[in-house]
């Protein structure tokens, strides 16, 4: 009888230690939702409502992209190099020997002394 009581007490302790660790509502439904994705923070000002993103493609296959209200533009050269071009004036962006001027639907890209025509694309 003593062994039977000891066995029942041991079984009760073992079952109590096996507590549930599954999410609320169970695995098959209920109110469990995964956490929201983490989005990286960038050092750019928040976009103004209705801000346009403009992308130009140049004759040398460089792609220039800028967003209204942001302090810089991004240039993706055909070699794969990506540059950040600081705003240097109205519709003008540059960094080192690189310069871009937006002229409406067209633009000019200056790369190491060479000039290339660009179009919105």
C-alpha atoms as a PDB file:
ATOM      1  CA  UNK A   1       0.000   0.000   0.000  1.00  0.00           C
ATOM      2  CA  UNK A   2       2.864   2.299   0.837  1.00  0.00           C
ATOM      3  CA  UNK A   3       4.449   1.659  -2.611  1.00  0.00           C
ATOM      4  CA  UNK A   4       1.125   2.302  -4.309  1.00  0.00           C
ATOM      5  CA  UNK A   5       0.711   5.678  -2.491  1.00  0.00           C
ATOM      6  CA  UNK A   6       4.310   6.629  -3.337  1.00  0.00           C
ATOM      7  CA  UNK A   7       3.707   5.717  -7.006  1.00  0.00           C
ATOM      8  CA  UNK A   8       0.510   7.813  -7.161  1.00  0.00           C
ATOM      9  CA  UNK A   9       2.234  10.802  -5.519  1.00  0.00           C
ATOM     10  CA  UNK A  10       5.167  10.530  -7.955  1.00  0.00           C
ATOM     11  CA  UNK A  11       2.788  10.328 -10.926  1.00  0.00           C
ATOM     12  CA  UNK A  12       0.899  13.426  -9.708  1.00  0.00           C
ATOM     13  CA  UNK A  13       4.158  15.396  -9.370  1.00  0.00           C
ATOM     14  CA  UNK A  14       5.301  14.285 -12.808  1.00  0.00           C
ATOM     15  CA  UNK A  15       2.038  15.347 -14.439  1.00  0.00           C
ATOM     16  CA  UNK A  16       2.065  18.696 -12.613  1.00  0.00           C
ATOM     17  CA  UNK A  17       5.553  19.405 -13.931  1.00  0.00           C
ATOM     18  CA  UNK A  18       4.346  18.908 -17.514  1.00  0.00           C
ATOM     19  CA  UNK A  19       2.482  22.220 -17.718  1.00  0.00           C
ATOM     20  CA  UNK A  20       1.230  23.590 -21.022  1.00  0.00           C
ATOM     21  CA  UNK A  21       3.528  25.996 -22.884  1.00  0.00           C
ATOM     22  CA  UNK A  22       1.504  26.445 -26.070  1.00  0.00           C
ATOM     23  CA  UNK A  23       0.095  29.875 -27.008  1.00  0.00           C
ATOM     24  CA  UNK A  24      -3.318  31.053 -25.759  1.00  0.00           C
ATOM     25  CA  UNK A  25      -6.099  29.544 -27.809  1.00  0.00           C
ATOM     26  CA  UNK A  26      -4.020  26.493 -28.715  1.00  0.00           C
ATOM     27  CA  UNK A  27      -2.120  25.765 -31.872  1.00  0.00           C
ATOM     28  CA  UNK A  28      -5.133  25.295 -34.091  1.00  0.00           C
ATOM     29  CA  UNK A  29      -6.883  28.627 -33.601  1.00  0.00           C
ATOM     30  CA  UNK A  30      -7.972  31.015 -30.955  1.00  0.00           C
ATOM     31  CA  UNK A  31      -6.639  34.522 -30.533  1.00  0.00           C
ATOM     32  CA  UNK A  32      -2.912  33.840 -30.967  1.00  0.00           C
ATOM     33  CA  UNK A  33      -1.202  36.174 -33.439  1.00  0.00           C
ATOM     34  CA  UNK A  34       2.503  36.250 -34.292  1.00  0.00           C
ATOM     35  CA  UNK A  35       4.383  39.419 -33.311  1.00  0.00           C
ATOM     36  CA  UNK A  36       4.532  42.194 -35.926  1.00  0.00           C
ATOM     37  CA  UNK A  37       7.638  42.311 -38.142  1.00  0.00           C
ATOM     38  CA  UNK A  38      10.484  44.574 -37.100  1.00  0.00           C
ATOM     39  CA  UNK A  39      11.142  47.393 -39.555  1.00  0.00           C
ATOM     40  CA  UNK A  40      14.552  49.050 -39.671  1.00  0.00           C
ATOM     41  CA  UNK A  41      14.823  52.729 -38.800  1.00  0.00           C
ATOM     42  CA  UNK A  42      16.429  55.004 -41.354  1.00  0.00           C
ATOM     43  CA  UNK A  43      17.796  58.499 -40.858  1.00  0.00           C
ATOM     44  CA  UNK A  44      15.288  59.980 -43.257  1.00  0.00           C
ATOM     45  CA  UNK A  45      12.425  62.302 -42.463  1.00  0.00           C
ATOM     46  CA  UNK A  46       8.969  60.710 -42.639  1.00  0.00           C
ATOM     47  CA  UNK A  47       7.351  60.992 -46.045  1.00  0.00           C
ATOM     48  CA  UNK A  48       4.848  63.765 -46.488  1.00  0.00           C
ATOM     49  CA  UNK A  49       1.407  62.595 -47.637  1.00  0.00           C
ATOM     50  CA  UNK A  50       1.414  62.513 -51.428  1.00  0.00           C
ATOM     51  CA  UNK A  51       5.230  62.762 -51.722  1.00  0.00           C
ATOM     52  CA  UNK A  52       6.363  61.515 -55.126  1.00  0.00           C
ATOM     53  CA  UNK A  53       9.223  59.088 -55.704  1.00  0.00           C
ATOM     54  CA  UNK A  54      10.930  59.959 -58.986  1.00  0.00           C
ATOM     55  CA  UNK A  55      13.288  57.591 -60.779  1.00  0.00           C
ATOM     56  CA  UNK A  56      15.484  58.494 -63.745  1.00  0.00           C
ATOM     57  CA  UNK A  57      17.368  56.080 -66.028  1.00  0.00           C
ATOM     58  CA  UNK A  58      20.463  57.498 -67.708  1.00  0.00           C
ATOM     59  CA  UNK A  59      22.271  56.654 -70.955  1.00  0.00           C
ATOM     60  CA  UNK A  60      25.053  54.862 -69.042  1.00  0.00           C
ATOM     61  CA  UNK A  61      22.327  52.740 -67.296  1.00  0.00           C
ATOM     62  CA  UNK A  62      22.718  54.560 -63.984  1.00  0.00           C
ATOM     63  CA  UNK A  63      19.421  54.802 -62.088  1.00  0.00           C
ATOM     64  CA  UNK A  64      18.833  57.932 -59.964  1.00  0.00           C
ATOM     65  CA  UNK A  65      15.949  57.851 -57.467  1.00  0.00           C
ATOM     66  CA  UNK A  66      14.830  60.602 -55.136  1.00  0.00           C
ATOM     67  CA  UNK A  67      11.799  61.293 -53.005  1.00  0.00           C
ATOM     68  CA  UNK A  68      10.270  64.728 -52.579  1.00  0.00           C
ATOM     69  CA  UNK A  69      11.086  66.213 -49.191  1.00  0.00           C
ATOM     70  CA  UNK A  70      14.091  63.962 -48.526  1.00  0.00           C
ATOM     71  CA  UNK A  71      17.605  65.422 -48.144  1.00  0.00           C
ATOM     72  CA  UNK A  72      19.324  63.021 -50.543  1.00  0.00           C
ATOM     73  CA  UNK A  73      18.936  60.911 -53.668  1.00  0.00           C
ATOM     74  CA  UNK A  74      20.168  57.374 -54.389  1.00  0.00           C
ATOM     75  CA  UNK A  75      22.222  56.535 -57.453  1.00  0.00           C
ATOM     76  CA  UNK A  76      22.635  52.910 -58.580  1.00  0.00           C
ATOM     77  CA  UNK A  77      25.474  52.752 -61.087  1.00  0.00           C
ATOM     78  CA  UNK A  78      25.545  50.074 -63.800  1.00  0.00           C
ATOM     79  CA  UNK A  79      28.567  48.552 -62.001  1.00  0.00           C
ATOM     80  CA  UNK A  80      26.336  47.822 -58.989  1.00  0.00           C
ATOM     81  CA  UNK A  81      27.807  50.597 -56.840  1.00  0.00           C
ATOM     82  CA  UNK A  82      25.150  52.492 -54.888  1.00  0.00           C
ATOM     83  CA  UNK A  83      25.729  56.124 -53.907  1.00  0.00           C
ATOM     84  CA  UNK A  84      23.906  58.555 -51.658  1.00  0.00           C
ATOM     85  CA  UNK A  85      23.798  61.986 -53.304  1.00  0.00           C
ATOM     86  CA  UNK A  86      23.265  64.980 -51.004  1.00  0.00           C
ATOM     87  CA  UNK A  87      20.963  67.793 -52.119  1.00  0.00           C
ATOM     88  CA  UNK A  88      23.207  70.633 -53.285  1.00  0.00           C
ATOM     89  CA  UNK A  89      20.511  72.953 -54.629  1.00  0.00           C
ATOM     90  CA  UNK A  90      17.075  73.041 -56.179  1.00  0.00           C
ATOM     91  CA  UNK A  91      16.685  69.754 -58.096  1.00  0.00           C
ATOM     92  CA  UNK A  92      20.432  69.136 -57.823  1.00  0.00           C
ATOM     93  CA  UNK A  93      22.232  66.297 -55.984  1.00  0.00           C
ATOM     94  CA  UNK A  94      25.896  65.397 -55.760  1.00  0.00           C
ATOM     95  CA  UNK A  95      28.730  63.528 -54.046  1.00  0.00           C
ATOM     96  CA  UNK A  96      32.398  63.898 -55.003  1.00  0.00           C
ATOM     97  CA  UNK A  97      32.790  63.649 -58.785  1.00  0.00           C
ATOM     98  CA  UNK A  98      29.123  62.646 -59.216  1.00  0.00           C
ATOM     99  CA  UNK A  99      26.361  65.188 -59.869  1.00  0.00           C
ATOM    100  CA  UNK A 100      22.726  64.947 -60.965  1.00  0.00           C
ATOM    101  CA  UNK A 101      20.404  67.725 -62.125  1.00  0.00           C
ATOM    102  CA  UNK A 102      16.683  67.072 -62.505  1.00  0.00           C
ATOM    103  CA  UNK A 103      15.110  69.054 -65.345  1.00  0.00           C
ATOM    104  CA  UNK A 104      11.462  67.945 -65.316  1.00  0.00           C
ATOM    105  CA  UNK A 105      11.002  64.693 -67.235  1.00  0.00           C
ATOM    106  CA  UNK A 106      14.693  64.740 -68.165  1.00  0.00           C
ATOM    107  CA  UNK A 107      17.897  65.149 -66.219  1.00  0.00           C
ATOM    108  CA  UNK A 108      21.672  65.223 -66.527  1.00  0.00           C
ATOM    109  CA  UNK A 109      24.052  62.826 -64.781  1.00  0.00           C
ATOM    110  CA  UNK A 110      27.712  63.853 -64.454  1.00  0.00           C
ATOM    111  CA  UNK A 111      30.082  61.004 -63.687  1.00  0.00           C
ATOM    112  CA  UNK A 112      33.825  61.743 -63.457  1.00  0.00           C
ATOM    113  CA  UNK A 113      33.635  64.610 -65.961  1.00  0.00           C
ATOM    114  CA  UNK A 114      31.307  62.865 -68.451  1.00  0.00           C
ATOM    115  CA  UNK A 115      27.718  64.024 -68.949  1.00  0.00           C
ATOM    116  CA  UNK A 116      24.819  61.626 -69.641  1.00  0.00           C
ATOM    117  CA  UNK A 117      21.204  62.366 -70.486  1.00  0.00           C
ATOM    118  CA  UNK A 118      18.529  60.832 -68.256  1.00  0.00           C
ATOM    119  CA  UNK A 119      14.770  60.330 -68.542  1.00  0.00           C
ATOM    120  CA  UNK A 120      12.086  59.427 -66.047  1.00  0.00           C
ATOM    121  CA  UNK A 121      11.670  55.710 -66.343  1.00  0.00           C
END
